[in-house]
Amino acid sequence: MKIFSEDIVKEACEHSHVADLTHATIGETLLVAQYLEKKTGIPFIRMDQGSPGLPVNKFGVEAEKAALDRGVGSQYPAASGVKELKDAAHEFVKAFINVDISARSCVPTTGSVAGSFGAFIATTQRIPGKNKVLFIDPGFPIQKSQLRILGIEWKEFDIYPYRGKKLRAKLEAQLKDGDVAAIVYSNPNNPAWICLEDSELQVIGELATKYDAVVMEDLAYFCMDYRHDLGHPYEPPYLPTVARYTDNYILLLSASKIFSYAGQRIALVCISDKLFDTYYPALQERYHDAGVFGSTFIAEILYMITSGCTASTQYGYAEMLRLSCEGKINFVEDTREYERRSKKMKEIFCRHGFKIVYDRDVTDTVGDGFFFTLGFPGMSGGQLAKELIHYGVSSISLDTTGSHQEGVRACTSRMRDELYTVLDERMKQFKEDHA
C-alpha cells in the first residue's frame, strides 16, 4: 500500500507547478517532497538534492571570522583571487594530484557552477568554428542548462557501453568534425559514481590534444573514491586526472563536498599554465584585450558574472587547503560517512528487488560514496522516480542526466540513522506491491 495516495501527490505537483514527475528536475522533485512532508508530517527519504550532509569544516569558519575581524570586508577582492588562496591551491594540487599548476593559474569562483559557466564561454569563443561542448554522460544537468542560457550547442554520449578500450573510437567519432571546443565529465561521476580509470583518462587527454579541445574535469568529489587510499599529501597514490595526458585542461575544485562548505559558494578553476598563456586572436578581437586565455577568462568573463569571490570565504578555503597539505585535516576520512551510508542503502534496496544500474568500472565494482544508481525490473527511470514518491522516497530519473539507462539517481547525503528502518519497511512494501 502506498504511503502517499495518487490524489495527494497530484495536489503536491499542482501546488509546486510540476507538470510531469517522470521527468522532474532536482528542484521540482525537492518541492514535491517538501510539500508532502509538510502537509502530512510523514518523513521523506531524501535522495534528490546533492547537498552536503556533514558538519561544515570548523577551520574554514574560524579563518573566515578572523579575516572579517581584520577588515577584509571593506575592500573589493582582486578578480584573480587573494594571494593566500592562489598559493594554497597551487600547493594542494601538487600535494594530492602531483601536478604543477602555478598559483596565478588557480582562480577562485563562486562555486564550480560559476566556474563552468565562465569556462564554457571562454572555451567556445577562443577558436572560430570550435563552438560545441561534448558531454561524457551521465552528468550534472545544470551544466546543460548553462549552455541553454548561453545558446551554445552540445554533443553527448552515455559512457555506459563505451568503457575501457571501446572509449577511443566513440570519443574520436564525436571529435573528428573539429567543432568541439570542450569535453566535460565529473570524476567520481555525478550521478553514477563511476570513476574513469587511468587508461581512459589517457585516451581523453590524447584526443583532446589531437583535436584541440579543452577538457573540463569536474573534481567536486575530490579523492572520494574510497576504494583507494587517496588523500595523503605528497604521497602516492595520487588522484587520477587527465592533466597527466594533455595540456588542454581545466580542473574544477569545489569546497562544497570535501569540506562541507557548500553554503559559502567557493571553488577553484585550475587552468594548465600552457592554456592559461595561450594567445587566441578571436578572443583579442572580441574583447579588445591581449587575447590571452587566462587573463580574458578572469577579467573579461568571470568578473562580468560575479565580480570576484567573497574575500573572507577565500581566506577560509585557503586555510582548509593549507591544513590539508600539512596533514592536519584529513578530508577523506571526514567524508567517509557517505561510503557507509551508501553501503547500507544499497543493501536495503537490493534486498527488495532493486539493482545497481552503473555497477562497474573497467576493472572493479563501482565504489560506495555520495551517489549511486538504482533500477527496478519493468520500470523506466521516470516511472520509478514517480512511483518512489508515493512511498516517501525522492530521487531523479537518470534520463535527466544524459543517461540512456533506465533508473534513478540516489544521493546519500541526507540519510539519517533513524531512517534506515523506515527505508527498509517502505521498500519491503514497494516490492510486495510490484511483485
Protein backbone atom coordinates (compact mmCIF):
# COMPACT_ATOMS: atom_id res chain seq x y z
CA MET A 1 0.00 0.00 0.00
CA LYS A 2 1.34 3.41 -0.96
CA ILE A 3 2.13 5.90 1.78
CA PHE A 4 1.02 8.87 -0.31
CA SER A 5 -2.11 8.49 -2.41
CA GLU A 6 -2.42 9.48 -6.06
CA ASP A 7 -4.63 12.40 -5.04
CA ILE A 8 -2.21 13.97 -2.56
CA VAL A 9 0.76 13.52 -4.92
CA LYS A 10 -1.28 15.19 -7.66
CA GLU A 11 -2.09 18.00 -5.23
CA ALA A 12 1.60 18.39 -4.42
CA CYS A 13 2.50 18.57 -8.11
CA GLU A 14 -0.18 21.16 -8.83
CA HIS A 15 0.84 23.27 -5.85
CA SER A 16 4.51 23.11 -6.88
CA HIS A 17 3.73 23.64 -10.61
CA VAL A 18 5.35 20.34 -11.57
CA ALA A 19 3.85 19.11 -14.83
CA ASP A 20 5.44 15.67 -15.04
CA LEU A 21 7.09 13.79 -12.18
CA THR A 22 8.64 11.26 -14.55
CA HIS A 23 10.92 13.95 -15.96
CA ALA A 24 11.09 16.26 -12.94
CA THR A 25 14.26 18.23 -12.25
CA ILE A 26 16.06 18.08 -8.93
CA GLY A 27 14.38 21.31 -7.85
CA GLU A 28 10.91 20.14 -8.86
CA THR A 29 11.30 16.83 -7.05
CA LEU A 30 12.53 18.67 -3.97
CA LEU A 31 9.44 20.92 -3.96
CA VAL A 32 7.04 17.97 -4.19
CA ALA A 33 8.81 16.08 -1.40
CA GLN A 34 8.86 19.13 0.85
CA TYR A 35 5.14 19.76 0.25
CA LEU A 36 4.17 16.17 1.07
CA GLU A 37 6.35 16.08 4.17
CA LYS A 38 4.97 19.36 5.49
CA LYS A 39 1.37 18.51 4.60
CA THR A 40 1.36 15.08 6.27
CA GLY A 41 4.18 15.14 8.82
CA ILE A 42 5.47 11.88 7.32
CA PRO A 43 9.27 12.00 6.86
CA PHE A 44 10.74 11.55 3.39
CA ILE A 45 13.85 9.60 2.48
CA ARG A 46 15.52 12.50 0.67
CA MET A 47 17.71 11.19 -2.16
CA ASP A 48 17.09 14.10 -4.55
CA GLN A 49 19.44 17.02 -3.96
CA GLY A 50 23.20 16.50 -3.64
CA SER A 51 23.67 18.87 -0.72
CA PRO A 52 26.32 18.03 1.91
CA GLY A 53 25.04 16.15 4.93
CA LEU A 54 28.03 16.58 7.24
CA PRO A 55 29.09 19.44 9.55
CA VAL A 56 30.92 22.35 8.00
CA ASN A 57 34.71 22.36 8.39
CA LYS A 58 35.42 24.41 11.52
CA PHE A 59 38.88 25.54 10.37
CA GLY A 60 37.38 27.35 7.40
CA VAL A 61 34.79 29.04 9.57
CA GLU A 62 37.38 30.29 12.06
CA ALA A 63 39.63 31.55 9.27
CA GLU A 64 36.71 33.44 7.74
CA LYS A 65 35.89 35.05 11.07
CA ALA A 66 39.50 36.10 11.53
CA ALA A 67 39.58 37.59 8.02
CA LEU A 68 36.46 39.63 8.70
CA ASP A 69 37.92 40.81 12.01
CA ARG A 70 40.97 42.02 10.06
CA GLY A 71 38.67 44.17 7.96
CA VAL A 72 38.81 42.40 4.61
CA GLY A 73 35.09 43.03 4.14
CA SER A 74 35.69 46.70 3.39
CA GLN A 75 37.60 46.18 0.14
CA TYR A 76 36.87 44.50 -3.17
CA PRO A 77 38.99 41.36 -3.58
CA ALA A 78 41.14 41.05 -6.69
CA ALA A 79 39.29 39.39 -9.57
CA SER A 80 42.05 36.80 -9.89
CA GLY A 81 41.74 35.85 -6.20
CA VAL A 82 43.62 36.60 -2.99
CA LYS A 83 47.25 35.54 -2.89
CA GLU A 84 46.81 33.22 0.09
CA LEU A 85 44.19 31.14 -1.72
CA LYS A 86 46.07 31.02 -5.01
CA ASP A 87 49.25 29.88 -3.27
CA ALA A 88 47.35 27.28 -1.24
CA ALA A 89 45.62 26.00 -4.39
CA HIS A 90 48.94 25.53 -6.16
CA GLU A 91 50.27 23.54 -3.20
CA PHE A 92 47.07 21.50 -2.80
CA VAL A 93 47.12 20.40 -6.44
CA LYS A 94 50.77 19.41 -6.07
CA ALA A 95 50.15 17.56 -2.79
CA PHE A 96 47.15 15.46 -3.82
CA ILE A 97 47.28 15.26 -7.64
CA ASN A 98 51.06 15.57 -8.14
CA VAL A 99 50.54 18.10 -10.93
CA ASP A 100 52.21 21.52 -11.11
CA ILE A 101 49.88 24.42 -11.80
CA SER A 102 51.23 27.85 -10.93
CA ALA A 103 49.38 29.96 -8.38
CA ARG A 104 48.47 32.57 -11.00
CA SER A 105 46.56 29.90 -12.97
CA CYS A 106 44.41 28.93 -9.96
CA VAL A 107 41.37 31.19 -9.98
CA PRO A 108 38.61 31.25 -7.33
CA THR A 109 34.97 31.26 -8.44
CA THR A 110 31.70 31.43 -6.55
CA GLY A 111 31.22 27.68 -6.75
CA SER A 112 32.03 25.36 -9.62
CA VAL A 113 28.77 26.38 -11.30
CA ALA A 114 30.17 29.87 -11.88
CA GLY A 115 33.49 28.32 -12.90
CA SER A 116 31.95 26.09 -15.55
CA PHE A 117 29.71 28.92 -16.79
CA GLY A 118 32.74 31.12 -17.43
CA ALA A 119 34.79 28.25 -18.86
CA PHE A 120 32.04 27.39 -21.35
CA ILE A 121 32.16 30.97 -22.63
CA ALA A 122 35.95 31.16 -22.88
CA THR A 123 36.49 27.75 -24.48
CA THR A 124 33.78 28.12 -27.13
CA GLN A 125 34.91 31.63 -28.15
CA ARG A 126 38.66 31.01 -28.45
CA ILE A 127 38.68 29.46 -31.96
CA PRO A 128 36.14 30.20 -34.73
CA GLY A 129 34.23 27.04 -35.68
CA LYS A 130 35.01 25.32 -32.38
CA ASN A 131 31.76 26.19 -30.68
CA LYS A 132 30.28 22.99 -29.25
CA VAL A 133 30.66 21.19 -25.94
CA LEU A 134 30.90 17.41 -25.62
CA PHE A 135 29.46 15.78 -22.51
CA ILE A 136 30.67 12.37 -21.43
CA ASP A 137 27.43 11.41 -19.72
CA PRO A 138 25.78 10.81 -17.36
CA GLY A 139 26.49 14.19 -15.86
CA PHE A 140 25.38 17.25 -13.91
CA PRO A 141 22.14 18.55 -15.53
CA ILE A 142 22.82 22.17 -14.57
CA GLN A 143 25.77 22.37 -16.97
CA LYS A 144 23.47 21.79 -19.94
CA SER A 145 21.09 24.37 -18.53
CA GLN A 146 24.02 26.80 -18.59
CA LEU A 147 24.56 26.09 -22.29
CA ARG A 148 20.87 26.74 -22.98
CA ILE A 149 21.26 30.17 -21.39
CA LEU A 150 24.38 30.86 -23.42
CA GLY A 151 22.98 29.50 -26.68
CA ILE A 152 25.85 27.02 -27.03
CA GLU A 153 25.23 23.71 -28.79
CA TRP A 154 26.41 20.41 -27.36
CA LYS A 155 27.02 16.77 -28.15
CA GLU A 156 26.68 13.94 -25.69
CA PHE A 157 27.03 10.21 -25.26
CA ASP A 158 26.37 7.81 -22.39
CA ILE A 159 29.68 6.17 -21.47
CA TYR A 160 27.97 3.04 -20.07
CA PRO A 161 28.64 0.84 -23.16
CA TYR A 162 31.96 2.51 -24.03
CA ARG A 163 34.18 1.84 -21.05
CA GLY A 164 37.82 0.83 -21.41
CA LYS A 165 39.11 0.06 -24.92
CA LYS A 166 35.78 0.99 -26.51
CA LEU A 167 36.13 4.63 -25.45
CA ARG A 168 38.71 5.77 -28.00
CA ALA A 169 36.65 5.01 -31.12
CA LYS A 170 33.49 6.53 -29.67
CA LEU A 171 35.23 9.68 -28.47
CA GLU A 172 37.11 10.17 -31.74
CA ALA A 173 33.84 9.86 -33.66
CA GLN A 174 32.48 12.77 -31.61
CA LEU A 175 35.60 14.90 -32.14
CA LYS A 176 36.51 14.22 -35.77
CA ASP A 177 34.41 17.09 -37.18
CA GLY A 178 36.64 19.55 -35.33
CA ASP A 179 33.78 21.56 -33.85
CA VAL A 180 34.17 20.52 -30.20
CA ALA A 181 35.67 23.22 -28.01
CA ALA A 182 35.41 21.48 -24.63
CA ILE A 183 34.92 17.99 -23.17
CA VAL A 184 33.11 17.75 -19.84
CA TYR A 185 32.81 14.99 -17.23
CA SER A 186 32.92 14.51 -13.47
CA ASN A 187 35.22 12.04 -11.73
CA PRO A 188 33.94 10.44 -9.47
CA ASN A 189 30.79 10.77 -11.50
CA ASN A 190 27.60 12.58 -10.62
CA PRO A 191 25.18 10.70 -10.80
CA ALA A 192 26.62 7.20 -11.37
CA TRP A 193 29.66 7.29 -9.05
CA ILE A 194 31.67 5.53 -11.75
CA CYS A 195 35.33 6.55 -11.90
CA LEU A 196 37.28 6.92 -15.11
CA GLU A 197 40.46 4.87 -14.91
CA ASP A 198 43.94 5.99 -15.96
CA SER A 199 43.74 4.23 -19.33
CA GLU A 200 40.51 6.08 -20.12
CA LEU A 201 41.88 9.42 -18.95
CA GLN A 202 44.90 8.89 -21.19
CA VAL A 203 42.61 8.38 -24.19
CA ILE A 204 40.67 11.55 -23.36
CA GLY A 205 43.89 13.53 -22.93
CA GLU A 206 45.47 12.30 -26.15
CA LEU A 207 42.38 13.05 -28.22
CA ALA A 208 41.91 16.44 -26.54
CA THR A 209 45.41 17.35 -27.71
CA LYS A 210 44.87 15.91 -31.19
CA TYR A 211 41.63 17.82 -31.76
CA ASP A 212 42.47 20.90 -29.64
CA ALA A 213 39.56 20.51 -27.22
CA VAL A 214 39.79 21.71 -23.61
CA VAL A 215 38.94 19.07 -21.03
CA MET A 216 36.85 20.43 -18.15
CA GLU A 217 37.39 17.88 -15.38
CA ASP A 218 34.91 18.38 -12.55
CA LEU A 219 36.52 17.14 -9.31
CA ALA A 220 33.65 18.06 -6.98
CA TYR A 221 34.04 14.74 -5.12
CA PHE A 222 37.78 15.10 -4.71
CA CYS A 223 39.54 11.90 -3.55
CA MET A 224 36.16 10.37 -2.62
CA ASP A 225 36.83 7.08 -4.44
CA TYR A 226 37.15 5.28 -1.13
CA ARG A 227 38.29 2.04 -2.78
CA HIS A 228 41.77 3.57 -2.98
CA ASP A 229 43.92 5.05 -0.22
CA LEU A 230 43.84 8.61 -1.55
CA GLY A 231 44.24 11.86 0.31
CA HIS A 232 47.72 11.61 1.82
CA PRO A 233 49.64 14.79 0.92
CA TYR A 234 52.74 14.33 -1.25
CA GLU A 235 52.35 10.54 -1.18
CA PRO A 236 51.10 8.13 -3.86
CA PRO A 237 48.57 7.02 -4.85
CA TYR A 238 47.63 10.38 -6.29
CA LEU A 239 44.24 11.33 -7.68
CA PRO A 240 43.80 10.11 -11.30
CA THR A 241 43.49 13.05 -13.69
CA VAL A 242 43.54 13.93 -17.38
CA ALA A 243 46.14 16.57 -16.53
CA ARG A 244 48.85 13.89 -16.84
CA TYR A 245 47.99 13.35 -20.50
CA THR A 246 47.30 16.78 -22.02
CA ASP A 247 47.98 20.47 -21.52
CA ASN A 248 44.41 21.28 -22.63
CA TYR A 249 42.66 21.08 -19.29
CA ILE A 250 40.74 22.97 -16.65
CA LEU A 251 40.24 21.37 -13.22
CA LEU A 252 37.22 22.39 -11.15
CA LEU A 253 37.86 22.05 -7.39
CA SER A 254 34.88 22.82 -5.17
CA ALA A 255 34.89 23.21 -1.38
CA SER A 256 31.24 22.15 -1.17
CA LYS A 257 31.59 18.40 -0.65
CA ILE A 258 35.13 17.74 0.57
CA PHE A 259 34.90 20.41 3.29
CA SER A 260 31.06 20.55 3.54
CA TYR A 261 31.40 24.24 2.69
CA ALA A 262 28.54 24.47 0.21
CA GLY A 263 26.83 27.46 1.79
CA GLN A 264 29.83 29.70 1.19
CA ARG A 265 29.90 29.10 -2.60
CA ILE A 266 33.62 28.79 -3.24
CA ALA A 267 35.58 26.77 -5.79
CA LEU A 268 38.74 26.94 -7.88
CA VAL A 269 39.26 26.84 -11.61
CA CYS A 270 42.78 25.49 -12.07
CA ILE A 271 43.93 26.05 -15.66
CA SER A 272 47.00 24.42 -17.15
CA ASP A 273 49.77 27.00 -17.45
CA LYS A 274 50.10 26.38 -21.17
CA LEU A 275 46.40 27.01 -21.80
CA PHE A 276 46.41 29.99 -19.44
CA ASP A 277 49.15 31.67 -21.50
CA THR A 278 47.84 30.77 -24.97
CA TYR A 279 47.05 33.69 -27.28
CA TYR A 280 43.83 33.49 -29.30
CA PRO A 281 43.18 36.15 -31.97
CA ALA A 282 39.42 35.57 -31.70
CA LEU A 283 39.45 36.48 -28.02
CA GLN A 284 41.51 39.60 -28.72
CA GLU A 285 39.12 40.68 -31.44
CA ARG A 286 36.02 40.10 -29.30
CA TYR A 287 37.24 41.64 -26.06
CA HIS A 288 39.79 44.17 -27.33
CA ASP A 289 42.35 42.87 -24.86
CA ALA A 290 45.58 40.89 -25.17
CA GLY A 291 43.68 37.79 -26.26
CA VAL A 292 45.46 35.58 -23.71
CA PHE A 293 43.14 32.85 -22.43
CA GLY A 294 43.77 33.23 -18.70
CA SER A 295 43.54 37.00 -18.48
CA THR A 296 40.48 37.12 -20.73
CA PHE A 297 38.81 34.41 -18.65
CA ILE A 298 39.40 36.35 -15.43
CA ALA A 299 38.98 39.99 -16.39
CA GLU A 300 36.50 39.89 -19.27
CA ILE A 301 34.32 36.90 -18.41
CA LEU A 302 34.38 35.84 -14.75
CA TYR A 303 34.39 39.41 -13.50
CA MET A 304 31.25 40.14 -15.50
CA ILE A 305 29.49 37.17 -13.88
CA THR A 306 30.27 37.63 -10.16
CA SER A 307 32.81 40.49 -9.84
CA GLY A 308 35.07 38.18 -7.87
CA CYS A 309 34.51 35.92 -4.84
CA THR A 310 33.69 36.93 -1.28
CA ALA A 311 37.02 37.83 0.32
CA SER A 312 36.51 36.18 3.70
CA THR A 313 35.42 32.91 2.06
CA GLN A 314 38.63 32.85 0.04
CA TYR A 315 40.64 33.02 3.25
CA GLY A 316 38.54 30.22 4.74
CA TYR A 317 39.13 27.99 1.71
CA ALA A 318 42.84 28.83 1.73
CA GLU A 319 43.18 27.73 5.35
CA MET A 320 41.43 24.40 4.71
CA LEU A 321 43.67 23.71 1.73
CA ARG A 322 46.79 24.68 3.65
CA LEU A 323 45.96 22.48 6.64
CA SER A 324 45.16 19.58 4.31
CA CYS A 325 48.62 19.86 2.77
CA GLU A 326 50.12 19.82 6.27
CA GLY A 327 48.15 16.70 7.18
CA LYS A 328 46.15 18.50 9.87
CA ILE A 329 42.86 17.99 8.00
CA ASN A 330 42.04 14.52 6.67
CA PHE A 331 39.15 15.42 4.38
CA VAL A 332 38.89 11.86 3.01
CA GLU A 333 38.18 10.40 6.45
CA ASP A 334 35.92 13.35 7.23
CA THR A 335 33.68 12.44 4.27
CA ARG A 336 33.85 8.64 4.53
CA GLU A 337 30.45 8.64 6.22
CA TYR A 338 28.98 8.83 2.71
CA GLU A 339 30.58 5.47 1.92
CA ARG A 340 28.98 3.89 4.99
CA ARG A 341 25.57 5.31 4.14
CA SER A 342 25.79 4.12 0.55
CA LYS A 343 26.58 0.54 1.58
CA LYS A 344 23.62 0.41 3.96
CA MET A 345 21.21 1.98 1.50
CA LYS A 346 22.30 -0.24 -1.40
CA GLU A 347 21.88 -3.36 0.72
CA ILE A 348 18.30 -2.41 1.59
CA PHE A 349 17.31 -1.59 -1.98
CA CYS A 350 18.95 -4.66 -3.50
CA ARG A 351 17.37 -6.97 -0.92
CA HIS A 352 13.99 -5.72 -2.07
CA GLY A 353 14.43 -6.34 -5.78
CA PHE A 354 16.32 -3.27 -6.98
CA LYS A 355 19.59 -3.40 -8.91
CA ILE A 356 22.56 -1.05 -9.21
CA VAL A 357 22.46 0.34 -12.76
CA TYR A 358 26.02 1.66 -13.16
CA ASP A 359 27.57 -1.24 -11.27
CA ARG A 360 31.13 -1.45 -12.61
CA ASP A 361 34.16 0.48 -13.69
CA VAL A 362 36.57 -1.14 -16.13
CA THR A 363 38.47 -3.30 -13.64
CA ASP A 364 36.43 -3.10 -10.44
CA THR A 365 32.94 -2.97 -8.97
CA VAL A 366 31.74 0.61 -8.64
CA GLY A 367 32.54 2.12 -5.25
CA ASP A 368 30.32 3.47 -2.49
CA GLY A 369 30.04 7.19 -1.89
CA PHE A 370 27.93 10.27 -2.36
CA PHE A 371 25.70 8.88 -5.17
CA PHE A 372 24.54 5.57 -6.57
CA THR A 373 22.05 4.46 -9.21
CA LEU A 374 19.00 2.20 -8.91
CA GLY A 375 16.78 0.33 -11.33
CA PHE A 376 13.70 -1.84 -10.82
CA PRO A 377 12.50 -4.57 -13.20
CA GLY A 378 9.88 -3.47 -15.70
CA MET A 379 10.11 0.25 -14.91
CA SER A 380 11.65 3.12 -16.79
CA GLY A 381 13.67 5.61 -14.80
CA GLY A 382 10.88 8.16 -14.95
CA GLN A 383 8.26 5.67 -13.81
CA LEU A 384 10.47 4.57 -10.93
CA ALA A 385 11.15 8.13 -9.78
CA LYS A 386 7.43 8.89 -9.82
CA GLU A 387 6.46 5.65 -8.09
CA LEU A 388 9.05 6.07 -5.33
CA ILE A 389 7.50 9.43 -4.43
CA HIS A 390 4.35 7.54 -3.37
CA TYR A 391 6.50 5.57 -0.92
CA GLY A 392 8.15 8.62 0.58
CA VAL A 393 11.43 8.37 -1.32
CA SER A 394 12.60 11.21 -3.58
CA SER A 395 15.10 10.77 -6.41
CA ILE A 396 15.63 11.90 -10.00
CA SER A 397 15.38 9.91 -13.21
CA LEU A 398 18.68 9.10 -14.89
CA ASP A 399 17.37 10.39 -18.22
CA THR A 400 17.64 13.94 -16.83
CA THR A 401 21.42 13.40 -16.57
CA GLY A 402 22.02 12.31 -20.16
CA SER A 403 21.95 8.62 -19.30
CA HIS A 404 20.34 6.10 -21.67
CA GLN A 405 19.94 3.55 -18.86
CA GLU A 406 16.67 3.02 -17.00
CA GLY A 407 16.90 4.01 -13.37
CA VAL A 408 17.19 6.81 -10.84
CA ARG A 409 19.98 8.65 -9.06
CA ALA A 410 20.15 8.23 -5.29
CA CYS A 411 22.07 10.62 -3.05
CA THR A 412 23.28 9.52 0.39
CA SER A 413 23.89 12.94 1.91
CA ARG A 414 20.53 13.42 3.64
CA MET A 415 20.27 9.91 5.10
CA ARG A 416 19.98 9.64 8.88
CA ASP A 417 20.45 6.65 11.18
CA GLU A 418 16.81 6.58 12.27
CA LEU A 419 15.64 6.32 8.65
CA TYR A 420 17.28 3.01 7.67
CA THR A 421 14.48 1.02 9.33
CA VAL A 422 11.92 3.29 7.68
CA LEU A 423 13.54 2.79 4.28
CA ASP A 424 13.61 -0.98 4.79
CA GLU A 425 9.90 -1.10 5.65
CA ARG A 426 8.92 1.09 2.71
CA MET A 427 10.97 -0.85 0.17
CA LYS A 428 9.58 -4.13 1.50
CA GLN A 429 6.12 -2.76 0.78
CA PHE A 430 7.26 -1.45 -2.60
CA LYS A 431 8.46 -4.93 -3.57
CA GLU A 432 5.20 -6.55 -2.45
CA ASP A 433 3.15 -4.01 -4.39
CA HIS A 434 5.24 -4.51 -7.55
CA ALA A 435 5.83 -8.25 -7.41
